[in-house]
Amino acid sequence: MNSYLDRLREILGVYEEELSVADRNRKPASGLLGIGPGPGDDPCHDRLDQAVASLVGDMLRDSAGASETGPVVSALLRAESEGGWPEPARLMLLAIQRHAIPLIPVLERNTREELYAWYEKRHPRSRRFPLQKQILATLEK
């Protein structure tokens, strides 16, 4: 069986491919001025969220250890900052970070500290969403 990190990478790869297909199939003016579906309306965003929720649920059910959980939490928190994701995808990658929250308590202290330092720098206080504040608070515990 693939590792949890491999599963997450596969999920993100499928999402990237689905975004590409959706973009190719989109009509030129679709979503412009609020008329018709826009790039953020594609069902691939929901499929990504459901796949990540399922992965995290499996990890919690299997009582995944810190060595398995650390790379997955790191990848979830860093995904939106890596690669040239379009805006609707970047926002979705920020939203799926909420799935990392129940995994954070499993992490070793030094991993939490490293992620906290990186995340705090990546998301300045003046531009944080409530979810990002919650993630930082959970990493800090």
C-alpha atoms as a PDB file:
ATOM      1  CA  MET A   1       0.000   0.000   0.000  1.00  0.00           C
ATOM      2  CA  ASN A   2       1.160   3.520  -0.752  1.00  0.00           C
ATOM      3  CA  SER A   3       2.236   5.739   2.067  1.00  0.00           C
ATOM      4  CA  TYR A   4      -0.076   8.509   3.195  1.00  0.00           C
ATOM      5  CA  LEU A   5       2.248  11.084   1.640  1.00  0.00           C
ATOM      6  CA  ASP A   6       2.170   9.224  -1.679  1.00  0.00           C
ATOM      7  CA  ARG A   7      -1.625   9.221  -1.522  1.00  0.00           C
ATOM      8  CA  LEU A   8      -1.652  12.974  -0.901  1.00  0.00           C
ATOM      9  CA  ARG A   9       0.708  13.568  -3.810  1.00  0.00           C
ATOM     10  CA  GLU A  10      -1.538  11.448  -6.012  1.00  0.00           C
ATOM     11  CA  ILE A  11      -4.610  13.408  -4.881  1.00  0.00           C
ATOM     12  CA  LEU A  12      -2.882  16.710  -5.690  1.00  0.00           C
ATOM     13  CA  GLY A  13      -1.725  15.369  -9.059  1.00  0.00           C
ATOM     14  CA  VAL A  14      -5.256  14.325  -9.980  1.00  0.00           C
ATOM     15  CA  TYR A  15      -6.515  17.742  -8.880  1.00  0.00           C
ATOM     16  CA  GLU A  16      -3.911  19.485 -11.026  1.00  0.00           C
ATOM     17  CA  GLU A  17      -4.914  17.391 -14.041  1.00  0.00           C
ATOM     18  CA  GLU A  18      -8.629  18.022 -13.453  1.00  0.00           C
ATOM     19  CA  LEU A  19      -7.931  21.764 -13.234  1.00  0.00           C
ATOM     20  CA  SER A  20      -6.106  21.614 -16.539  1.00  0.00           C
ATOM     21  CA  VAL A  21      -8.984  19.750 -18.205  1.00  0.00           C
ATOM     22  CA  ALA A  22     -11.539  22.172 -16.746  1.00  0.00           C
ATOM     23  CA  ASP A  23      -9.519  25.130 -17.990  1.00  0.00           C
ATOM     24  CA  ARG A  24      -9.216  23.665 -21.495  1.00  0.00           C
ATOM     25  CA  ASN A  25     -12.972  22.969 -21.633  1.00  0.00           C
ATOM     26  CA  ARG A  26     -14.023  26.355 -20.306  1.00  0.00           C
ATOM     27  CA  LYS A  27     -15.548  28.817 -22.741  1.00  0.00           C
ATOM     28  CA  PRO A  28     -13.518  32.020 -23.158  1.00  0.00           C
ATOM     29  CA  ALA A  29     -15.953  34.348 -21.371  1.00  0.00           C
ATOM     30  CA  SER A  30     -17.359  31.811 -18.913  1.00  0.00           C
ATOM     31  CA  GLY A  31     -17.704  33.335 -15.465  1.00  0.00           C
ATOM     32  CA  LEU A  32     -16.960  36.816 -16.744  1.00  0.00           C
ATOM     33  CA  LEU A  33     -19.116  39.395 -14.989  1.00  0.00           C
ATOM     34  CA  GLY A  34     -20.741  36.610 -13.002  1.00  0.00           C
ATOM     35  CA  ILE A  35     -22.382  35.083 -16.081  1.00  0.00           C
ATOM     36  CA  GLY A  36     -22.082  31.316 -16.298  1.00  0.00           C
ATOM     37  CA  PRO A  37     -19.817  29.078 -14.279  1.00  0.00           C
ATOM     38  CA  GLY A  38     -16.345  30.356 -13.494  1.00  0.00           C
ATOM     39  CA  PRO A  39     -13.149  28.459 -12.796  1.00  0.00           C
ATOM     40  CA  GLY A  40     -14.000  28.221  -9.088  1.00  0.00           C
ATOM     41  CA  ASP A  41     -17.263  26.401  -9.811  1.00  0.00           C
ATOM     42  CA  ASP A  42     -15.736  23.198 -11.169  1.00  0.00           C
ATOM     43  CA  PRO A  43     -16.575  20.070  -9.126  1.00  0.00           C
ATOM     44  CA  CYS A  44     -12.871  19.123  -9.023  1.00  0.00           C
ATOM     45  CA  HIS A  45     -12.517  21.433  -5.999  1.00  0.00           C
ATOM     46  CA  ASP A  46     -15.105  19.416  -4.063  1.00  0.00           C
ATOM     47  CA  ARG A  47     -13.466  16.169  -5.120  1.00  0.00           C
ATOM     48  CA  LEU A  48     -10.134  17.421  -3.789  1.00  0.00           C
ATOM     49  CA  ASP A  49     -11.677  18.327  -0.444  1.00  0.00           C
ATOM     50  CA  GLN A  50     -13.410  14.950  -0.151  1.00  0.00           C
ATOM     51  CA  ALA A  51     -10.257  13.030  -1.085  1.00  0.00           C
ATOM     52  CA  VAL A  52      -8.138  14.885   1.493  1.00  0.00           C
ATOM     53  CA  ALA A  53     -10.842  14.403   4.146  1.00  0.00           C
ATOM     54  CA  SER A  54     -10.860  10.676   3.383  1.00  0.00           C
ATOM     55  CA  LEU A  55      -7.066  10.466   3.601  1.00  0.00           C
ATOM     56  CA  VAL A  56      -6.994  12.253   6.968  1.00  0.00           C
ATOM     57  CA  GLY A  57      -9.855  10.078   8.215  1.00  0.00           C
ATOM     58  CA  ASP A  58      -7.854   6.973   7.282  1.00  0.00           C
ATOM     59  CA  MET A  59      -4.798   8.334   9.081  1.00  0.00           C
ATOM     60  CA  LEU A  60      -6.774   9.012  12.243  1.00  0.00           C
ATOM     61  CA  ARG A  61      -8.505   5.625  12.102  1.00  0.00           C
ATOM     62  CA  ASP A  62      -5.163   3.861  11.581  1.00  0.00           C
ATOM     63  CA  SER A  63      -3.538   5.887  14.391  1.00  0.00           C
ATOM     64  CA  ALA A  64      -0.758   7.029  12.059  1.00  0.00           C
ATOM     65  CA  GLY A  65       2.407   7.930  13.932  1.00  0.00           C
ATOM     66  CA  ALA A  66       4.423  11.128  13.892  1.00  0.00           C
ATOM     67  CA  SER A  67       6.809   9.835  11.237  1.00  0.00           C
ATOM     68  CA  GLU A  68       3.904   9.307   8.814  1.00  0.00           C
ATOM     69  CA  THR A  69       1.883  12.324   9.887  1.00  0.00           C
ATOM     70  CA  GLY A  70       4.637  14.958   9.763  1.00  0.00           C
ATOM     71  CA  PRO A  71       5.254  14.836   6.005  1.00  0.00           C
ATOM     72  CA  VAL A  72       1.521  14.873   5.253  1.00  0.00           C
ATOM     73  CA  VAL A  73       0.844  17.889   7.490  1.00  0.00           C
ATOM     74  CA  SER A  74       3.839  19.677   6.003  1.00  0.00           C
ATOM     75  CA  ALA A  75       2.674  18.939   2.452  1.00  0.00           C
ATOM     76  CA  LEU A  76      -0.878  20.089   3.231  1.00  0.00           C
ATOM     77  CA  LEU A  77       0.351  23.366   4.709  1.00  0.00           C
ATOM     78  CA  ARG A  78       2.886  24.029   1.945  1.00  0.00           C
ATOM     79  CA  ALA A  79       0.896  22.926  -1.128  1.00  0.00           C
ATOM     80  CA  GLU A  80      -0.583  26.332  -1.940  1.00  0.00           C
ATOM     81  CA  SER A  81       2.811  28.027  -1.820  1.00  0.00           C
ATOM     82  CA  GLU A  82       4.459  25.537  -4.165  1.00  0.00           C
ATOM     83  CA  GLY A  83       3.926  25.455  -7.882  1.00  0.00           C
ATOM     84  CA  GLY A  84       2.127  27.876 -10.135  1.00  0.00           C
ATOM     85  CA  TRP A  85      -1.431  27.189  -9.019  1.00  0.00           C
ATOM     86  CA  PRO A  86      -4.167  29.417 -10.490  1.00  0.00           C
ATOM     87  CA  GLU A  87      -6.118  31.557  -8.009  1.00  0.00           C
ATOM     88  CA  PRO A  88      -9.179  29.275  -7.545  1.00  0.00           C
ATOM     89  CA  ALA A  89      -6.844  26.342  -6.857  1.00  0.00           C
ATOM     90  CA  ARG A  90      -4.660  28.355  -4.490  1.00  0.00           C
ATOM     91  CA  LEU A  91      -7.698  29.311  -2.452  1.00  0.00           C
ATOM     92  CA  MET A  92      -8.857  25.699  -2.359  1.00  0.00           C
ATOM     93  CA  LEU A  93      -5.405  24.560  -1.254  1.00  0.00           C
ATOM     94  CA  LEU A  94      -5.625  27.077   1.580  1.00  0.00           C
ATOM     95  CA  ALA A  95      -9.072  25.738   2.501  1.00  0.00           C
ATOM     96  CA  ILE A  96      -7.970  22.090   2.660  1.00  0.00           C
ATOM     97  CA  GLN A  97      -5.367  23.039   5.257  1.00  0.00           C
ATOM     98  CA  ARG A  98      -8.161  22.657   7.807  1.00  0.00           C
ATOM     99  CA  HIS A  99      -7.789  18.904   7.409  1.00  0.00           C
ATOM    100  CA  ALA A 100      -4.298  19.164   8.936  1.00  0.00           C
ATOM    101  CA  ILE A 101      -5.654  20.395  12.288  1.00  0.00           C
ATOM    102  CA  PRO A 102      -6.631  16.991  13.778  1.00  0.00           C
ATOM    103  CA  LEU A 103      -3.238  15.601  12.722  1.00  0.00           C
ATOM    104  CA  ILE A 104      -1.104  18.326  14.332  1.00  0.00           C
ATOM    105  CA  PRO A 105      -1.283  16.915  17.897  1.00  0.00           C
ATOM    106  CA  VAL A 106       0.381  13.725  16.624  1.00  0.00           C
ATOM    107  CA  LEU A 107       3.468  15.639  15.458  1.00  0.00           C
ATOM    108  CA  GLU A 108       6.686  15.724  17.418  1.00  0.00           C
ATOM    109  CA  ARG A 109       7.412  19.010  19.161  1.00  0.00           C
ATOM    110  CA  ASN A 110      10.335  19.973  16.910  1.00  0.00           C
ATOM    111  CA  THR A 111       8.239  19.346  13.782  1.00  0.00           C
ATOM    112  CA  ARG A 112       5.456  21.553  15.158  1.00  0.00           C
ATOM    113  CA  GLU A 113       7.992  24.278  15.970  1.00  0.00           C
ATOM    114  CA  GLU A 114       9.533  24.145  12.485  1.00  0.00           C
ATOM    115  CA  LEU A 115       6.123  24.267  10.810  1.00  0.00           C
ATOM    116  CA  TYR A 116       5.015  27.087  13.118  1.00  0.00           C
ATOM    117  CA  ALA A 117       8.062  29.216  12.221  1.00  0.00           C
ATOM    118  CA  TRP A 118       7.594  28.610   8.496  1.00  0.00           C
ATOM    119  CA  TYR A 119       3.803  29.113   8.558  1.00  0.00           C
ATOM    120  CA  GLU A 120       3.995  32.296  10.625  1.00  0.00           C
ATOM    121  CA  LYS A 121       6.508  33.782   8.190  1.00  0.00           C
ATOM    122  CA  ARG A 122       4.503  32.628   5.151  1.00  0.00           C
ATOM    123  CA  HIS A 123       1.255  34.122   6.459  1.00  0.00           C
ATOM    124  CA  PRO A 124       1.880  37.553   8.006  1.00  0.00           C
ATOM    125  CA  ARG A 125      -0.428  38.489  10.879  1.00  0.00           C
ATOM    126  CA  SER A 126      -2.098  41.299   8.916  1.00  0.00           C
ATOM    127  CA  ARG A 127      -3.223  38.918   6.138  1.00  0.00           C
ATOM    128  CA  ARG A 128      -4.245  35.804   8.068  1.00  0.00           C
ATOM    129  CA  PHE A 129      -7.623  34.200   7.708  1.00  0.00           C
ATOM    130  CA  PRO A 130      -9.262  32.691  10.809  1.00  0.00           C
ATOM    131  CA  LEU A 131      -8.237  29.214   9.632  1.00  0.00           C
ATOM    132  CA  GLN A 132      -4.594  30.251   9.482  1.00  0.00           C
ATOM    133  CA  LYS A 133      -4.836  31.651  13.010  1.00  0.00           C
ATOM    134  CA  GLN A 134      -6.343  28.353  14.161  1.00  0.00           C
ATOM    135  CA  ILE A 135      -3.571  26.360  12.510  1.00  0.00           C
ATOM    136  CA  LEU A 136      -0.905  28.512  14.176  1.00  0.00           C
ATOM    137  CA  ALA A 137      -2.619  28.165  17.552  1.00  0.00           C
ATOM    138  CA  THR A 138      -2.751  24.388  17.136  1.00  0.00           C
ATOM    139  CA  LEU A 139       0.904  24.220  16.093  1.00  0.00           C
ATOM    140  CA  GLU A 140       1.862  26.328  19.091  1.00  0.00           C
ATOM    141  CA  LYS A 141       0.248  23.991  21.683  1.00  0.00           C
END
